Amino acid sequence: MPKAGITYGPRIKAPDYKQIAADAEKQVLEHLGLERPEDLVAKARPDNLVVGAAEVVDQADAELALYLDERDQALAHLWFYEQRLGLSKTAGLTNMGYRHALAKLMFGDKRHTLPDGTNEELVQAAEQAGIERVPDAEAQLLKTAPIVFAARARRDVAVRYMQEAVLALSQSPYDWTPDKIAEHAGVHRELIYKQRSAARKRHGL
């Protein structure tokens, strides 16, 4: 988000998020006992799959709870106090995702407009909003951003498999109710309804 009238610090080299995403998918497949995505139909039992996928989601959510705030605090420090360029790529975010992260931390609303201005005005706006300064913010970002990215990648992959498992269990020969699937997977019934609906939509059902 370069702006006229601002002096920017050096860019921070981004981690290899393409490789991180590939590794994340491989880890999910291994946890589910699959070698390739194509094995889903031939080798995966949906009753086992829904449990394994739920476990991956739970673990990913736990990592996000631990590291997401730290990532966003480092991002905010580097943007408002050091005015670095290219932070969206460093964090593995789109430009919109990056702006949303900053706005949510600063205002509690990801769609809130971010402040503009000179270096000094950005610092003042951050101080007024209570944005904390983060010692070694660059190191903190490079540590936490890949963890958050990988957790979200694993979660996204697991959710897709969970949806397929829920759909399969809802149909013949299983014909499980959402309550039974939820109890088996150890999740709330509302989540099963949501996953089943998403899978039906994807398959045009």
C-alpha atoms as a PDB file:
ATOM      1  CA  MET A   1       0.000   0.000   0.000  1.00  0.00           C
ATOM      2  CA  PRO A   2       2.593   2.617  -1.013  1.00  0.00           C
ATOM      3  CA  LYS A   3       1.500   6.210  -0.457  1.00  0.00           C
ATOM      4  CA  ALA A   4       3.003   9.501  -1.580  1.00  0.00           C
ATOM      5  CA  GLY A   5       4.811  11.408   1.129  1.00  0.00           C
ATOM      6  CA  ILE A   6       5.865   8.326   3.092  1.00  0.00           C
ATOM      7  CA  THR A   7       9.408   7.044   3.434  1.00  0.00           C
ATOM      8  CA  TYR A   8       9.410   3.263   3.459  1.00  0.00           C
ATOM      9  CA  GLY A   9      11.753   0.787   5.073  1.00  0.00           C
ATOM     10  CA  PRO A  10      13.213  -2.186   3.159  1.00  0.00           C
ATOM     11  CA  ARG A  11      11.040  -5.056   2.010  1.00  0.00           C
ATOM     12  CA  ILE A  12      11.120  -8.276   3.977  1.00  0.00           C
ATOM     13  CA  LYS A  13      11.638 -11.418   1.912  1.00  0.00           C
ATOM     14  CA  ALA A  14       8.548 -13.606   1.902  1.00  0.00           C
ATOM     15  CA  PRO A  15       8.667 -17.262   2.940  1.00  0.00           C
ATOM     16  CA  ASP A  16       7.937 -19.876   0.268  1.00  0.00           C
ATOM     17  CA  TYR A  17       4.191 -20.029   0.785  1.00  0.00           C
ATOM     18  CA  LYS A  18       3.649 -22.189  -2.296  1.00  0.00           C
ATOM     19  CA  GLN A  19       5.777 -24.898  -0.698  1.00  0.00           C
ATOM     20  CA  ILE A  20       4.134 -24.356   2.681  1.00  0.00           C
ATOM     21  CA  ALA A  21       0.722 -24.916   1.091  1.00  0.00           C
ATOM     22  CA  ALA A  22       1.912 -28.088  -0.641  1.00  0.00           C
ATOM     23  CA  ASP A  23       3.395 -29.398   2.612  1.00  0.00           C
ATOM     24  CA  ALA A  24       0.174 -28.574   4.460  1.00  0.00           C
ATOM     25  CA  GLU A  25      -1.928 -30.600   2.028  1.00  0.00           C
ATOM     26  CA  LYS A  26       0.522 -33.517   2.289  1.00  0.00           C
ATOM     27  CA  GLN A  27       0.285 -33.440   6.091  1.00  0.00           C
ATOM     28  CA  VAL A  28      -3.509 -33.562   5.987  1.00  0.00           C
ATOM     29  CA  LEU A  29      -3.490 -36.462   3.544  1.00  0.00           C
ATOM     30  CA  GLU A  30      -1.053 -38.369   5.754  1.00  0.00           C
ATOM     31  CA  HIS A  31      -3.227 -37.755   8.812  1.00  0.00           C
ATOM     32  CA  LEU A  32      -6.239 -39.069   6.914  1.00  0.00           C
ATOM     33  CA  GLY A  33      -4.344 -42.128   5.673  1.00  0.00           C
ATOM     34  CA  LEU A  34      -4.383 -41.023   2.044  1.00  0.00           C
ATOM     35  CA  GLU A  35      -1.514 -40.735  -0.405  1.00  0.00           C
ATOM     36  CA  ARG A  36      -3.289 -38.639  -3.042  1.00  0.00           C
ATOM     37  CA  PRO A  37      -6.526 -36.648  -3.200  1.00  0.00           C
ATOM     38  CA  GLU A  38      -7.821 -39.210  -5.707  1.00  0.00           C
ATOM     39  CA  ASP A  39      -7.673 -41.859  -2.976  1.00  0.00           C
ATOM     40  CA  LEU A  40     -10.624 -40.213  -1.262  1.00  0.00           C
ATOM     41  CA  VAL A  41     -13.205 -42.234  -3.188  1.00  0.00           C
ATOM     42  CA  ALA A  42     -11.348 -45.528  -3.454  1.00  0.00           C
ATOM     43  CA  LYS A  43      -9.719 -45.872  -0.038  1.00  0.00           C
ATOM     44  CA  ALA A  44     -11.293 -43.564   2.530  1.00  0.00           C
ATOM     45  CA  ARG A  45     -14.095 -44.695   4.806  1.00  0.00           C
ATOM     46  CA  PRO A  46     -16.246 -41.637   5.458  1.00  0.00           C
ATOM     47  CA  ASP A  47     -16.795 -42.497   9.129  1.00  0.00           C
ATOM     48  CA  ASN A  48     -13.015 -42.473   9.674  1.00  0.00           C
ATOM     49  CA  LEU A  49     -12.498 -39.512   7.373  1.00  0.00           C
ATOM     50  CA  VAL A  50     -14.898 -37.214   9.208  1.00  0.00           C
ATOM     51  CA  VAL A  51     -13.135 -37.906  12.515  1.00  0.00           C
ATOM     52  CA  GLY A  52      -9.659 -37.356  11.089  1.00  0.00           C
ATOM     53  CA  ALA A  53     -10.682 -34.167   9.311  1.00  0.00           C
ATOM     54  CA  ALA A  54     -12.274 -32.810  12.484  1.00  0.00           C
ATOM     55  CA  GLU A  55      -9.014 -33.479  14.339  1.00  0.00           C
ATOM     56  CA  VAL A  56      -7.050 -31.496  11.744  1.00  0.00           C
ATOM     57  CA  VAL A  57      -9.487 -28.594  11.998  1.00  0.00           C
ATOM     58  CA  ASP A  58      -9.263 -28.565  15.793  1.00  0.00           C
ATOM     59  CA  GLN A  59      -5.463 -28.524  15.695  1.00  0.00           C
ATOM     60  CA  ALA A  60      -5.408 -25.760  13.090  1.00  0.00           C
ATOM     61  CA  ASP A  61      -7.848 -23.665  15.130  1.00  0.00           C
ATOM     62  CA  ALA A  62      -5.642 -24.092  18.194  1.00  0.00           C
ATOM     63  CA  GLU A  63      -2.593 -22.846  16.288  1.00  0.00           C
ATOM     64  CA  LEU A  64      -4.523 -19.883  14.918  1.00  0.00           C
ATOM     65  CA  ALA A  65      -5.646 -18.983  18.432  1.00  0.00           C
ATOM     66  CA  LEU A  66      -2.002 -19.026  19.558  1.00  0.00           C
ATOM     67  CA  TYR A  67      -0.316 -17.193  16.703  1.00  0.00           C
ATOM     68  CA  LEU A  68      -2.792 -15.044  14.755  1.00  0.00           C
ATOM     69  CA  ASP A  69      -2.723 -12.095  17.159  1.00  0.00           C
ATOM     70  CA  GLU A  70       1.071 -12.170  17.301  1.00  0.00           C
ATOM     71  CA  ARG A  71       1.243 -12.094  13.524  1.00  0.00           C
ATOM     72  CA  ASP A  72      -1.172  -9.198  13.271  1.00  0.00           C
ATOM     73  CA  GLN A  73       0.605  -7.224  16.001  1.00  0.00           C
ATOM     74  CA  ALA A  74       3.894  -7.613  14.118  1.00  0.00           C
ATOM     75  CA  LEU A  75       2.188  -6.587  10.879  1.00  0.00           C
ATOM     76  CA  ALA A  76       0.715  -3.488  12.482  1.00  0.00           C
ATOM     77  CA  HIS A  77       4.030  -2.463  14.035  1.00  0.00           C
ATOM     78  CA  LEU A  78       5.865  -2.849  10.728  1.00  0.00           C
ATOM     79  CA  TRP A  79       3.247  -0.860   8.831  1.00  0.00           C
ATOM     80  CA  PHE A  80       2.514   1.948  11.269  1.00  0.00           C
ATOM     81  CA  TYR A  81       5.831   2.378  13.060  1.00  0.00           C
ATOM     82  CA  GLU A  82       8.392   1.260  10.460  1.00  0.00           C
ATOM     83  CA  GLN A  83       6.339   1.678   7.257  1.00  0.00           C
ATOM     84  CA  ARG A  84       7.632  -1.373   5.413  1.00  0.00           C
ATOM     85  CA  LEU A  85       6.493  -2.255   1.907  1.00  0.00           C
ATOM     86  CA  GLY A  86       5.423  -5.665   0.667  1.00  0.00           C
ATOM     87  CA  LEU A  87       4.095  -6.869   4.001  1.00  0.00           C
ATOM     88  CA  SER A  88       1.112  -8.624   2.425  1.00  0.00           C
ATOM     89  CA  LYS A  89       3.442 -10.984   0.543  1.00  0.00           C
ATOM     90  CA  THR A  90       5.620 -11.442   3.609  1.00  0.00           C
ATOM     91  CA  ALA A  91       2.541 -12.488   5.584  1.00  0.00           C
ATOM     92  CA  GLY A  92       1.122 -14.682   2.822  1.00  0.00           C
ATOM     93  CA  LEU A  93      -1.962 -12.495   2.448  1.00  0.00           C
ATOM     94  CA  THR A  94      -3.717 -10.769  -0.416  1.00  0.00           C
ATOM     95  CA  ASN A  95      -3.687  -6.979  -0.299  1.00  0.00           C
ATOM     96  CA  MET A  96      -7.311  -7.069   0.832  1.00  0.00           C
ATOM     97  CA  GLY A  97      -6.600  -9.719   3.459  1.00  0.00           C
ATOM     98  CA  TYR A  98      -3.700  -7.646   4.731  1.00  0.00           C
ATOM     99  CA  ARG A  99      -5.830  -4.515   5.039  1.00  0.00           C
ATOM    100  CA  HIS A 100      -8.550  -6.514   6.785  1.00  0.00           C
ATOM    101  CA  ALA A 101      -6.042  -7.845   9.322  1.00  0.00           C
ATOM    102  CA  LEU A 102      -4.780  -4.352  10.139  1.00  0.00           C
ATOM    103  CA  ALA A 103      -8.274  -2.840  10.324  1.00  0.00           C
ATOM    104  CA  LYS A 104      -9.554  -5.611  12.594  1.00  0.00           C
ATOM    105  CA  LEU A 105      -6.630  -5.169  14.979  1.00  0.00           C
ATOM    106  CA  MET A 106      -6.929  -1.382  14.992  1.00  0.00           C
ATOM    107  CA  PHE A 107     -10.700  -0.910  14.973  1.00  0.00           C
ATOM    108  CA  GLY A 108     -12.219  -4.335  15.666  1.00  0.00           C
ATOM    109  CA  ASP A 109     -13.796  -4.182  12.205  1.00  0.00           C
ATOM    110  CA  LYS A 110     -11.954  -5.614   9.231  1.00  0.00           C
ATOM    111  CA  ARG A 111     -13.852  -3.381   6.800  1.00  0.00           C
ATOM    112  CA  HIS A 112     -12.995  -0.138   8.587  1.00  0.00           C
ATOM    113  CA  THR A 113     -10.990   2.357   6.519  1.00  0.00           C
ATOM    114  CA  LEU A 114      -7.337   2.477   7.493  1.00  0.00           C
ATOM    115  CA  PRO A 115      -5.767   5.850   8.319  1.00  0.00           C
ATOM    116  CA  ASP A 116      -3.659   7.704   5.759  1.00  0.00           C
ATOM    117  CA  GLY A 117      -0.938  10.256   6.115  1.00  0.00           C
ATOM    118  CA  THR A 118       2.774  10.836   6.527  1.00  0.00           C
ATOM    119  CA  ASN A 119       5.120   8.653   8.546  1.00  0.00           C
ATOM    120  CA  GLU A 120       4.520  10.820  11.598  1.00  0.00           C
ATOM    121  CA  GLU A 121       0.741  10.787  11.133  1.00  0.00           C
ATOM    122  CA  LEU A 122       0.678   6.992  10.836  1.00  0.00           C
ATOM    123  CA  VAL A 123       2.683   6.694  14.048  1.00  0.00           C
ATOM    124  CA  GLN A 124       0.320   9.106  15.791  1.00  0.00           C
ATOM    125  CA  ALA A 125      -2.759   7.238  14.561  1.00  0.00           C
ATOM    126  CA  ALA A 126      -1.312   3.937  15.788  1.00  0.00           C
ATOM    127  CA  GLU A 127      -0.454   5.381  19.188  1.00  0.00           C
ATOM    128  CA  GLN A 128      -3.924   6.856  19.565  1.00  0.00           C
ATOM    129  CA  ALA A 129      -5.470   3.502  18.665  1.00  0.00           C
ATOM    130  CA  GLY A 130      -3.296   1.707  21.208  1.00  0.00           C
ATOM    131  CA  ILE A 131      -1.313  -0.290  18.667  1.00  0.00           C
ATOM    132  CA  GLU A 132       1.577  -1.827  20.578  1.00  0.00           C
ATOM    133  CA  ARG A 133       5.163  -1.513  19.466  1.00  0.00           C
ATOM    134  CA  VAL A 134       6.676  -4.952  18.946  1.00  0.00           C
ATOM    135  CA  PRO A 135      10.384  -5.507  19.607  1.00  0.00           C
ATOM    136  CA  ASP A 136      11.931  -7.552  16.778  1.00  0.00           C
ATOM    137  CA  ALA A 137       8.684  -7.280  14.822  1.00  0.00           C
ATOM    138  CA  GLU A 138      10.320  -8.531  11.626  1.00  0.00           C
ATOM    139  CA  ALA A 139      11.496 -11.727  13.329  1.00  0.00           C
ATOM    140  CA  GLN A 140       8.084 -12.190  14.945  1.00  0.00           C
ATOM    141  CA  LEU A 141       6.330 -11.819  11.599  1.00  0.00           C
ATOM    142  CA  LEU A 142       8.661 -14.279   9.881  1.00  0.00           C
ATOM    143  CA  LYS A 143       8.043 -16.770  12.691  1.00  0.00           C
ATOM    144  CA  THR A 144       4.286 -16.473  13.051  1.00  0.00           C
ATOM    145  CA  ALA A 145       3.090 -15.775   9.498  1.00  0.00           C
ATOM    146  CA  PRO A 146       4.136 -19.182   8.093  1.00  0.00           C
ATOM    147  CA  ILE A 147       2.541 -20.932  11.084  1.00  0.00           C
ATOM    148  CA  VAL A 148      -0.748 -19.085  10.537  1.00  0.00           C
ATOM    149  CA  PHE A 149      -0.616 -19.675   6.776  1.00  0.00           C
ATOM    150  CA  ALA A 150       0.079 -23.398   7.203  1.00  0.00           C
ATOM    151  CA  ALA A 151      -2.678 -23.777   9.805  1.00  0.00           C
ATOM    152  CA  ARG A 152      -5.205 -22.114   7.531  1.00  0.00           C
ATOM    153  CA  ALA A 153      -4.046 -24.203   4.575  1.00  0.00           C
ATOM    154  CA  ARG A 154      -4.416 -27.442   6.550  1.00  0.00           C
ATOM    155  CA  ARG A 155      -7.785 -26.304   7.824  1.00  0.00           C
ATOM    156  CA  ASP A 156      -9.064 -25.493   4.328  1.00  0.00           C
ATOM    157  CA  VAL A 157      -7.991 -28.887   2.998  1.00  0.00           C
ATOM    158  CA  ALA A 158      -9.459 -30.740   5.983  1.00  0.00           C
ATOM    159  CA  VAL A 159     -12.774 -28.902   5.710  1.00  0.00           C
ATOM    160  CA  ARG A 160     -13.156 -30.018   2.089  1.00  0.00           C
ATOM    161  CA  TYR A 161     -12.581 -33.652   3.060  1.00  0.00           C
ATOM    162  CA  MET A 162     -14.878 -33.291   6.029  1.00  0.00           C
ATOM    163  CA  GLN A 163     -17.622 -31.997   3.771  1.00  0.00           C
ATOM    164  CA  GLU A 164     -17.220 -34.970   1.438  1.00  0.00           C
ATOM    165  CA  ALA A 165     -17.335 -37.379   4.380  1.00  0.00           C
ATOM    166  CA  VAL A 166     -20.456 -35.724   5.814  1.00  0.00           C
ATOM    167  CA  LEU A 167     -22.194 -35.929   2.451  1.00  0.00           C
ATOM    168  CA  ALA A 168     -21.270 -39.600   2.038  1.00  0.00           C
ATOM    169  CA  LEU A 169     -22.473 -40.472   5.538  1.00  0.00           C
ATOM    170  CA  SER A 170     -25.757 -38.669   4.859  1.00  0.00           C
ATOM    171  CA  GLN A 171     -26.461 -40.887   1.877  1.00  0.00           C
ATOM    172  CA  SER A 172     -26.977 -44.602   1.241  1.00  0.00           C
ATOM    173  CA  PRO A 173     -25.706 -47.022   2.459  1.00  0.00           C
ATOM    174  CA  TYR A 174     -24.988 -45.079   5.666  1.00  0.00           C
ATOM    175  CA  ASP A 175     -27.982 -42.731   5.936  1.00  0.00           C
ATOM    176  CA  TRP A 176     -26.626 -41.169   9.118  1.00  0.00           C
ATOM    177  CA  THR A 177     -28.472 -38.224  10.635  1.00  0.00           C
ATOM    178  CA  PRO A 178     -26.597 -34.963  11.295  1.00  0.00           C
ATOM    179  CA  ASP A 179     -26.858 -35.710  15.023  1.00  0.00           C
ATOM    180  CA  LYS A 180     -25.174 -39.088  14.607  1.00  0.00           C
ATOM    181  CA  ILE A 181     -22.407 -37.641  12.426  1.00  0.00           C
ATOM    182  CA  ALA A 182     -21.813 -34.826  14.894  1.00  0.00           C
ATOM    183  CA  GLU A 183     -21.605 -37.211  17.835  1.00  0.00           C
ATOM    184  CA  HIS A 184     -19.244 -39.518  15.936  1.00  0.00           C
ATOM    185  CA  ALA A 185     -16.950 -36.647  14.898  1.00  0.00           C
ATOM    186  CA  GLY A 186     -17.114 -34.852  18.238  1.00  0.00           C
ATOM    187  CA  VAL A 187     -18.437 -31.586  16.796  1.00  0.00           C
ATOM    188  CA  HIS A 188     -21.600 -29.493  17.044  1.00  0.00           C
ATOM    189  CA  ARG A 189     -24.609 -30.503  14.989  1.00  0.00           C
ATOM    190  CA  GLU A 190     -24.801 -27.051  13.390  1.00  0.00           C
ATOM    191  CA  LEU A 191     -21.366 -27.578  11.847  1.00  0.00           C
ATOM    192  CA  ILE A 192     -22.503 -30.826  10.223  1.00  0.00           C
ATOM    193  CA  TYR A 193     -25.506 -29.099   8.669  1.00  0.00           C
ATOM    194  CA  LYS A 194     -23.203 -26.389   7.331  1.00  0.00           C
ATOM    195  CA  GLN A 195     -20.690 -28.875   5.908  1.00  0.00           C
ATOM    196  CA  ARG A 196     -23.402 -30.993   4.326  1.00  0.00           C
ATOM    197  CA  SER A 197     -24.951 -27.937   2.697  1.00  0.00           C
ATOM    198  CA  ALA A 198     -21.597 -26.827   1.283  1.00  0.00           C
ATOM    199  CA  ALA A 199     -20.892 -30.298  -0.117  1.00  0.00           C
ATOM    200  CA  ARG A 200     -24.349 -30.542  -1.688  1.00  0.00           C
ATOM    201  CA  LYS A 201     -23.873 -27.160  -3.322  1.00  0.00           C
ATOM    202  CA  ARG A 202     -20.459 -28.146  -4.689  1.00  0.00           C
ATOM    203  CA  HIS A 203     -21.931 -31.305  -6.204  1.00  0.00           C
ATOM    204  CA  GLY A 204     -25.005 -29.517  -7.546  1.00  0.00           C
ATOM    205  CA  LEU A 205     -27.388 -31.451  -5.311  1.00  0.00           C
END
